[in-house]
Amino acid sequence: MKLALALGAALTILSTACGGAQAPGAAAPAVATGAVQPAAVSGQFTLYTSVPQNIASRIEESLKKRHPDLRMTIFRAGTGEVVAKLAAEQKAGAIQADVVWVAEPSTYEEFKKQDLLLKFAPKDADKLSAELKDADGFYYAGRLINTVIIYNTQLVKTPPTGWRDLTKPEFKGKIGLPTPAASGAAVAFVGALSKSSDFGYGYLAELKANGAVQVQNNTEANTKVAKGELMVASTLDYMIRDLKTQGSPVEVVWPKEGAIFTPSPIGIVKTSKNVEASKAFVDYLLSQQGQQDMVEVGSFLPVRDDVAPPKGAPKLSEIKRFPLDWKDITTRTEEIKKNFADIFGK
């Protein structure tokens, strides 16, 4: 179903999370400032995503409120499973996804090599800084996630201050690490630390010697820490905030060496038969109100400077970032997975 084309500036007053952006150098669309009423948008599209199911469902509900005639079907799995499903469908010549939204940019760099993505320019692309959008115009950060440290406040009396502290004996046998075989965020985490001269793969071997265990994903890491099965783990910042609102005895550490700062991109599949509906969704997610909704329904850090972060969370400018090169991660993804498996097992 085709969309009405007059979304215009009124999308800046719509709502629910996550974003798009226009190609660098392209002129930003004019934004009306008067009381313009948004034109109705309609259509349907399929989203493949690694966003946790409970949050994806909240986003779907918010979309229904803002655009009752814009319908979304969701396939949710970890980044590794989403990528595998897309690869199988691409090989069969029948990709079912219209929009793809997983954890980190290196996956999208690989998608670009495969000519999988549509080049497009969302309406509020100019509201994203250069580091939050693809220079070639194929993908845009819809949310910001950061790999940090979670700890159980009932078990840990002296919290770690950084990544190196996880090798201390007081955490022996009670450390969790999500596997990069399933988690895109874990690919970024292992990739960043393994490249550092201060850490390297030797750091992971030290963690293993200290009894660290691999877990399937960030959700499992958080659950085990919240239940007291683990004392500490690497995980994503927004998940810790969500657990705290539920009353779990957990707290976040923003590592002194830096968090793994990860723009979580969204892109449109080149073969989509629902391009206009897909573009409307990305425009909606990137709008100011949409990012405010992302803060509310997902406790995500927004991709726009004109949207306040969740309560207690730092602003973008306040986050110390661990050095990371996404193109390097792209070239080393298989190495990262193999070396992690060599240390922790498959």
Protein backbone atom coordinates (compact mmCIF):
# COMPACT_ATOMS: atom_id res chain seq x y z
CA MET A 1 0.00 0.00 0.00
CA LYS A 2 1.45 3.36 -0.95
CA LEU A 3 1.97 6.06 1.62
CA ALA A 4 0.61 9.55 1.46
CA LEU A 5 3.71 11.53 0.62
CA ALA A 6 3.07 14.50 2.84
CA LEU A 7 4.70 13.37 6.09
CA GLY A 8 6.70 16.61 6.00
CA ALA A 9 7.84 18.39 9.08
CA ALA A 10 5.01 17.17 11.18
CA LEU A 11 6.98 13.99 11.76
CA THR A 12 9.03 15.96 14.25
CA ILE A 13 6.01 15.86 16.51
CA LEU A 14 5.23 12.18 16.07
CA SER A 15 6.49 9.44 18.31
CA THR A 16 8.50 6.29 19.08
CA ALA A 17 12.13 5.65 18.96
CA CYS A 18 15.02 5.28 16.61
CA GLY A 19 16.25 6.71 13.53
CA GLY A 20 17.43 7.43 10.09
CA ALA A 21 19.44 10.14 8.44
CA GLN A 22 20.29 11.59 5.06
CA ALA A 23 23.49 11.19 3.16
CA PRO A 24 26.23 13.60 4.27
CA GLY A 25 26.34 16.69 2.13
CA ALA A 26 22.72 16.42 1.04
CA ALA A 27 20.58 19.44 1.80
CA ALA A 28 18.27 18.97 4.77
CA PRO A 29 14.56 19.04 3.96
CA ALA A 30 12.84 22.25 4.98
CA VAL A 31 11.00 21.91 8.27
CA ALA A 32 7.81 23.84 8.77
CA THR A 33 7.42 25.50 12.14
CA GLY A 34 3.73 26.30 12.12
CA ALA A 35 0.84 24.20 13.34
CA VAL A 36 0.90 21.87 10.34
CA GLN A 37 -1.29 18.80 10.68
CA PRO A 38 0.44 15.54 9.69
CA ALA A 39 -0.96 13.77 6.69
CA ALA A 40 -2.16 10.24 7.28
CA VAL A 41 0.37 7.53 6.49
CA SER A 42 -0.48 3.97 5.75
CA GLY A 43 1.06 0.74 4.57
CA GLN A 44 2.76 -2.30 6.00
CA PHE A 45 6.33 -3.48 6.37
CA THR A 46 8.34 -6.23 8.05
CA LEU A 47 11.06 -5.40 10.56
CA TYR A 48 13.92 -7.80 11.35
CA THR A 49 15.51 -6.68 14.62
CA SER A 50 17.64 -7.60 17.60
CA VAL A 51 15.83 -5.10 19.83
CA PRO A 52 14.52 -7.13 22.81
CA GLN A 53 11.01 -8.46 22.24
CA ASN A 54 9.40 -6.57 25.11
CA ILE A 55 10.76 -3.26 23.84
CA ALA A 56 9.99 -4.08 20.21
CA SER A 57 6.39 -4.72 21.26
CA ARG A 58 6.24 -1.36 23.04
CA ILE A 59 7.53 0.34 19.91
CA GLU A 60 4.85 -1.39 17.86
CA GLU A 61 2.18 -0.14 20.27
CA SER A 62 3.51 3.41 20.09
CA LEU A 63 3.52 3.21 16.29
CA LYS A 64 -0.14 2.18 16.33
CA LYS A 65 -1.00 5.22 18.43
CA ARG A 66 0.82 7.65 16.16
CA HIS A 67 0.05 5.99 12.82
CA PRO A 68 -2.90 3.61 13.12
CA ASP A 69 -2.73 2.72 9.42
CA LEU A 70 1.01 1.98 9.36
CA ARG A 71 1.36 -1.67 10.27
CA MET A 72 4.53 -3.46 11.34
CA THR A 73 5.33 -7.18 11.43
CA ILE A 74 8.30 -8.07 13.64
CA PHE A 75 10.84 -10.87 13.46
CA ARG A 76 13.00 -10.66 16.57
CA ALA A 77 16.22 -12.58 17.26
CA GLY A 78 19.83 -11.95 18.19
CA THR A 79 21.99 -10.21 15.60
CA GLY A 80 23.66 -13.46 14.56
CA GLU A 81 20.34 -15.17 13.90
CA VAL A 82 18.94 -12.15 12.04
CA VAL A 83 22.00 -12.06 9.78
CA ALA A 84 21.77 -15.81 9.15
CA LYS A 85 18.08 -15.55 8.26
CA LEU A 86 18.74 -12.71 5.83
CA ALA A 87 21.60 -14.65 4.23
CA ALA A 88 19.41 -17.71 3.72
CA GLU A 89 16.58 -15.63 2.25
CA GLN A 90 18.98 -13.74 0.00
CA LYS A 91 20.40 -17.02 -1.30
CA ALA A 92 16.86 -18.22 -2.02
CA GLY A 93 16.07 -14.92 -3.77
CA ALA A 94 13.21 -14.14 -1.41
CA ILE A 95 14.13 -11.70 1.37
CA GLN A 96 11.07 -11.13 3.56
CA ALA A 97 12.44 -8.18 5.53
CA ASP A 98 11.79 -4.58 4.56
CA VAL A 99 13.70 -2.95 7.43
CA VAL A 100 16.70 -4.26 9.37
CA TRP A 101 17.64 -2.93 12.80
CA VAL A 102 20.38 -4.77 14.69
CA ALA A 103 23.13 -3.90 17.12
CA GLU A 104 26.13 -2.35 15.45
CA PRO A 105 27.58 -0.75 12.28
CA SER A 106 30.03 -3.47 11.20
CA THR A 107 27.08 -5.69 10.25
CA TYR A 108 25.80 -2.96 7.94
CA GLU A 109 29.19 -2.49 6.36
CA GLU A 110 28.98 -6.15 5.39
CA PHE A 111 25.41 -5.61 4.12
CA LYS A 112 26.76 -2.82 1.91
CA LYS A 113 29.35 -5.15 0.42
CA GLN A 114 26.52 -7.56 -0.39
CA ASP A 115 24.49 -4.77 -2.03
CA LEU A 116 21.67 -5.55 0.39
CA LEU A 117 20.67 -2.02 1.43
CA LEU A 118 18.73 0.82 -0.16
CA LYS A 119 20.34 4.25 -0.25
CA PHE A 120 17.92 6.82 1.16
CA ALA A 121 17.76 10.12 3.01
CA PRO A 122 15.41 10.31 6.02
CA LYS A 123 13.81 13.64 6.77
CA ASP A 124 15.71 14.45 9.96
CA ALA A 125 19.10 13.16 8.86
CA ASP A 126 20.67 16.52 9.58
CA LYS A 127 19.85 16.08 13.28
CA LEU A 128 22.38 13.24 13.52
CA SER A 129 26.10 13.86 13.95
CA ALA A 130 28.44 12.33 11.37
CA GLU A 131 29.37 9.39 13.62
CA LEU A 132 25.71 8.36 13.81
CA LYS A 133 25.09 7.91 10.10
CA ASP A 134 26.68 6.17 7.15
CA ALA A 135 28.68 8.53 4.98
CA ASP A 136 27.27 6.77 1.91
CA GLY A 137 23.65 7.09 3.02
CA PHE A 138 22.70 3.43 3.53
CA TYR A 139 22.06 3.29 7.28
CA TYR A 140 21.43 5.56 10.27
CA ALA A 141 21.57 5.15 14.04
CA GLY A 142 18.13 4.54 15.47
CA ARG A 143 19.31 4.22 19.06
CA LEU A 144 22.53 4.39 21.02
CA ILE A 145 23.69 1.45 23.11
CA ASN A 146 26.81 1.14 25.23
CA THR A 147 28.57 -1.95 26.51
CA VAL A 148 29.27 -1.34 30.19
CA ILE A 149 29.50 -3.38 33.40
CA ILE A 150 26.55 -4.62 35.46
CA TYR A 151 27.00 -5.81 39.04
CA ASN A 152 24.78 -7.23 41.77
CA THR A 153 24.55 -4.66 44.59
CA GLN A 154 23.84 -7.35 47.21
CA LEU A 155 26.94 -9.38 46.36
CA VAL A 156 29.47 -6.75 45.36
CA LYS A 157 30.66 -4.48 48.16
CA THR A 158 33.42 -2.76 46.21
CA PRO A 159 32.22 -2.24 42.64
CA PRO A 160 34.68 -2.50 39.76
CA THR A 161 35.70 0.79 38.21
CA GLY A 162 36.74 -0.53 34.81
CA TRP A 163 37.31 -3.51 32.55
CA ARG A 164 40.65 -4.42 34.13
CA ASP A 165 39.01 -4.84 37.53
CA LEU A 166 37.08 -7.87 36.29
CA THR A 167 40.31 -9.88 36.55
CA LYS A 168 40.40 -9.34 40.34
CA PRO A 169 40.11 -12.47 42.53
CA GLU A 170 36.99 -11.23 44.35
CA PHE A 171 34.99 -11.84 41.14
CA LYS A 172 36.47 -15.29 40.43
CA GLY A 173 33.94 -17.67 38.91
CA LYS A 174 31.20 -15.04 38.91
CA ILE A 175 31.85 -13.12 35.65
CA GLY A 176 29.65 -13.28 32.56
CA LEU A 177 30.50 -12.41 28.96
CA PRO A 178 27.95 -12.58 26.09
CA THR A 179 29.28 -14.54 23.12
CA PRO A 180 30.00 -12.73 19.84
CA ALA A 181 28.67 -15.80 18.03
CA ALA A 182 25.15 -14.58 18.87
CA SER A 183 25.44 -10.96 20.00
CA GLY A 184 26.41 -8.10 17.70
CA ALA A 185 27.21 -5.92 20.71
CA ALA A 186 29.59 -8.63 21.93
CA VAL A 187 31.37 -8.57 18.54
CA ALA A 188 32.00 -4.87 19.13
CA PHE A 189 33.10 -5.45 22.73
CA VAL A 190 35.57 -8.24 21.93
CA GLY A 191 36.71 -6.49 18.78
CA ALA A 192 37.49 -3.24 20.58
CA LEU A 193 39.35 -4.77 23.52
CA SER A 194 41.25 -7.30 21.40
CA LYS A 195 42.63 -4.47 19.25
CA SER A 196 43.88 -2.50 22.26
CA SER A 197 47.54 -2.83 23.24
CA ASP A 198 46.44 -2.52 26.89
CA PHE A 199 44.08 -5.50 26.64
CA GLY A 200 44.23 -7.74 23.55
CA TYR A 201 43.02 -11.33 23.45
CA GLY A 202 45.30 -11.90 26.43
CA TYR A 203 42.78 -9.97 28.55
CA LEU A 204 40.06 -12.45 27.60
CA ALA A 205 42.38 -15.30 28.56
CA GLU A 206 42.88 -13.59 31.94
CA LEU A 207 39.12 -13.39 32.40
CA LYS A 208 38.81 -17.07 31.54
CA ALA A 209 41.50 -17.88 34.10
CA ASN A 210 39.46 -15.90 36.63
CA GLY A 211 36.46 -18.11 36.00
CA ALA A 212 34.57 -15.97 33.51
CA VAL A 213 31.85 -17.84 31.61
CA GLN A 214 30.24 -17.12 28.28
CA VAL A 215 26.50 -16.58 28.11
CA GLN A 216 24.25 -16.57 25.08
CA ASN A 217 23.39 -12.87 25.10
CA ASN A 218 23.12 -9.71 27.18
CA THR A 219 19.70 -10.66 28.49
CA GLU A 220 21.06 -13.90 29.96
CA ALA A 221 23.98 -12.02 31.50
CA ASN A 222 21.61 -9.55 33.15
CA THR A 223 19.27 -12.25 34.43
CA LYS A 224 22.12 -14.19 36.02
CA VAL A 225 23.52 -11.07 37.69
CA ALA A 226 20.10 -9.99 38.94
CA LYS A 227 19.50 -13.47 40.42
CA GLY A 228 22.93 -13.57 42.03
CA GLU A 229 24.25 -16.41 39.89
CA LEU A 230 26.92 -13.99 38.66
CA MET A 231 28.41 -10.98 40.43
CA VAL A 232 29.38 -8.98 37.34
CA ALA A 233 29.04 -9.08 33.55
CA SER A 234 29.50 -7.02 30.44
CA THR A 235 26.15 -5.88 29.08
CA LEU A 236 24.23 -2.97 27.58
CA ASP A 237 23.45 0.18 29.54
CA TYR A 238 19.74 0.46 28.72
CA MET A 239 19.07 -3.06 29.99
CA ILE A 240 20.49 -2.17 33.40
CA ARG A 241 18.25 0.89 33.64
CA ASP A 242 15.25 -1.26 32.75
CA LEU A 243 16.14 -3.84 35.41
CA LYS A 244 16.54 -1.14 38.04
CA THR A 245 13.05 0.19 37.37
CA GLN A 246 11.79 -3.34 38.00
CA GLY A 247 13.49 -3.38 41.40
CA SER A 248 16.38 -5.72 40.58
CA PRO A 249 19.48 -5.34 42.81
CA VAL A 250 21.78 -4.20 40.02
CA GLU A 251 23.84 -1.14 39.18
CA VAL A 252 25.85 0.13 36.23
CA VAL A 253 29.55 0.93 35.98
CA TRP A 254 30.70 3.18 33.17
CA PRO A 255 34.25 1.79 32.81
CA LYS A 256 37.06 4.25 33.39
CA GLU A 257 38.80 2.96 30.23
CA GLY A 258 35.65 3.78 28.24
CA ALA A 259 32.35 2.19 27.26
CA ILE A 260 31.88 0.50 23.88
CA PHE A 261 29.83 3.30 22.30
CA THR A 262 27.61 1.70 19.68
CA PRO A 263 25.27 3.45 17.24
CA SER A 264 22.60 0.82 16.52
CA PRO A 265 21.73 1.31 12.83
CA ILE A 266 18.54 0.92 10.90
CA GLY A 267 18.42 0.36 7.14
CA ILE A 268 15.97 -0.54 4.39
CA VAL A 269 16.43 -3.68 2.31
CA LYS A 270 17.05 -2.86 -1.35
CA THR A 271 14.53 -5.44 -2.60
CA SER A 272 11.73 -4.21 -0.32
CA LYS A 273 8.28 -4.05 -1.93
CA ASN A 274 7.18 -1.68 0.84
CA VAL A 275 9.71 1.09 0.50
CA GLU A 276 7.41 4.02 1.25
CA ALA A 277 6.03 2.42 4.41
CA SER A 278 9.59 1.56 5.47
CA LYS A 279 10.78 5.13 4.90
CA ALA A 280 7.83 6.46 6.89
CA PHE A 281 8.80 4.23 9.81
CA VAL A 282 12.41 5.42 9.75
CA ASP A 283 11.27 9.05 9.51
CA TYR A 284 8.98 8.46 12.45
CA LEU A 285 11.72 6.89 14.55
CA LEU A 286 14.15 9.67 13.79
CA SER A 287 11.72 12.46 14.66
CA GLN A 288 12.14 14.38 17.89
CA GLN A 289 9.01 12.87 19.40
CA GLY A 290 10.02 9.45 18.17
CA GLN A 291 13.34 9.66 19.99
CA GLN A 292 11.56 10.85 23.11
CA ASP A 293 9.42 7.74 22.86
CA MET A 294 12.55 5.61 22.51
CA VAL A 295 13.74 7.02 25.81
CA GLU A 296 10.39 6.16 27.39
CA VAL A 297 9.74 2.68 25.96
CA GLY A 298 13.32 1.41 25.77
CA SER A 299 15.41 3.60 28.09
CA PHE A 300 17.70 4.10 25.09
CA LEU A 301 20.04 7.03 24.71
CA PRO A 302 18.60 9.25 21.95
CA VAL A 303 20.44 9.96 18.70
CA ARG A 304 19.38 13.61 18.74
CA ASP A 305 20.87 16.36 20.89
CA ASP A 306 17.46 17.99 21.33
CA VAL A 307 16.09 14.98 23.22
CA ALA A 308 17.03 14.45 26.87
CA PRO A 309 18.53 11.09 27.88
CA PRO A 310 16.82 8.76 30.37
CA LYS A 311 16.93 9.83 34.01
CA GLY A 312 20.36 9.17 35.47
CA ALA A 313 21.96 8.42 32.09
CA PRO A 314 24.79 10.52 30.67
CA LYS A 315 24.51 12.79 27.67
CA LEU A 316 26.38 11.79 24.53
CA SER A 317 29.07 14.37 25.22
CA GLU A 318 29.65 12.93 28.71
CA ILE A 319 30.37 9.35 27.63
CA LYS A 320 34.00 8.25 27.61
CA ARG A 321 34.39 5.94 24.62
CA PHE A 322 36.74 3.02 24.23
CA PRO A 323 38.65 3.35 20.92
CA LEU A 324 36.92 1.44 18.16
CA ASP A 325 37.09 1.29 14.34
CA TRP A 326 33.94 -0.15 12.76
CA LYS A 327 35.59 -0.93 9.45
CA ASP A 328 38.28 -2.86 11.31
CA ILE A 329 35.58 -4.78 13.19
CA THR A 330 33.97 -5.63 9.84
CA THR A 331 37.16 -7.18 8.51
CA ARG A 332 37.86 -9.09 11.73
CA THR A 333 34.38 -10.38 12.64
CA GLU A 334 35.13 -14.04 11.92
CA GLU A 335 38.51 -13.78 13.65
CA ILE A 336 36.79 -12.24 16.70
CA LYS A 337 34.25 -15.06 16.91
CA LYS A 338 36.89 -17.77 16.41
CA ASN A 339 39.34 -16.42 18.98
CA PHE A 340 36.59 -15.96 21.56
CA ALA A 341 35.45 -19.56 20.97
CA ASP A 342 39.05 -20.78 21.24
CA ILE A 343 39.25 -19.22 24.70
CA PHE A 344 35.75 -19.90 26.07
CA GLY A 345 34.59 -22.83 23.95
CA LYS A 346 31.74 -23.04 21.46
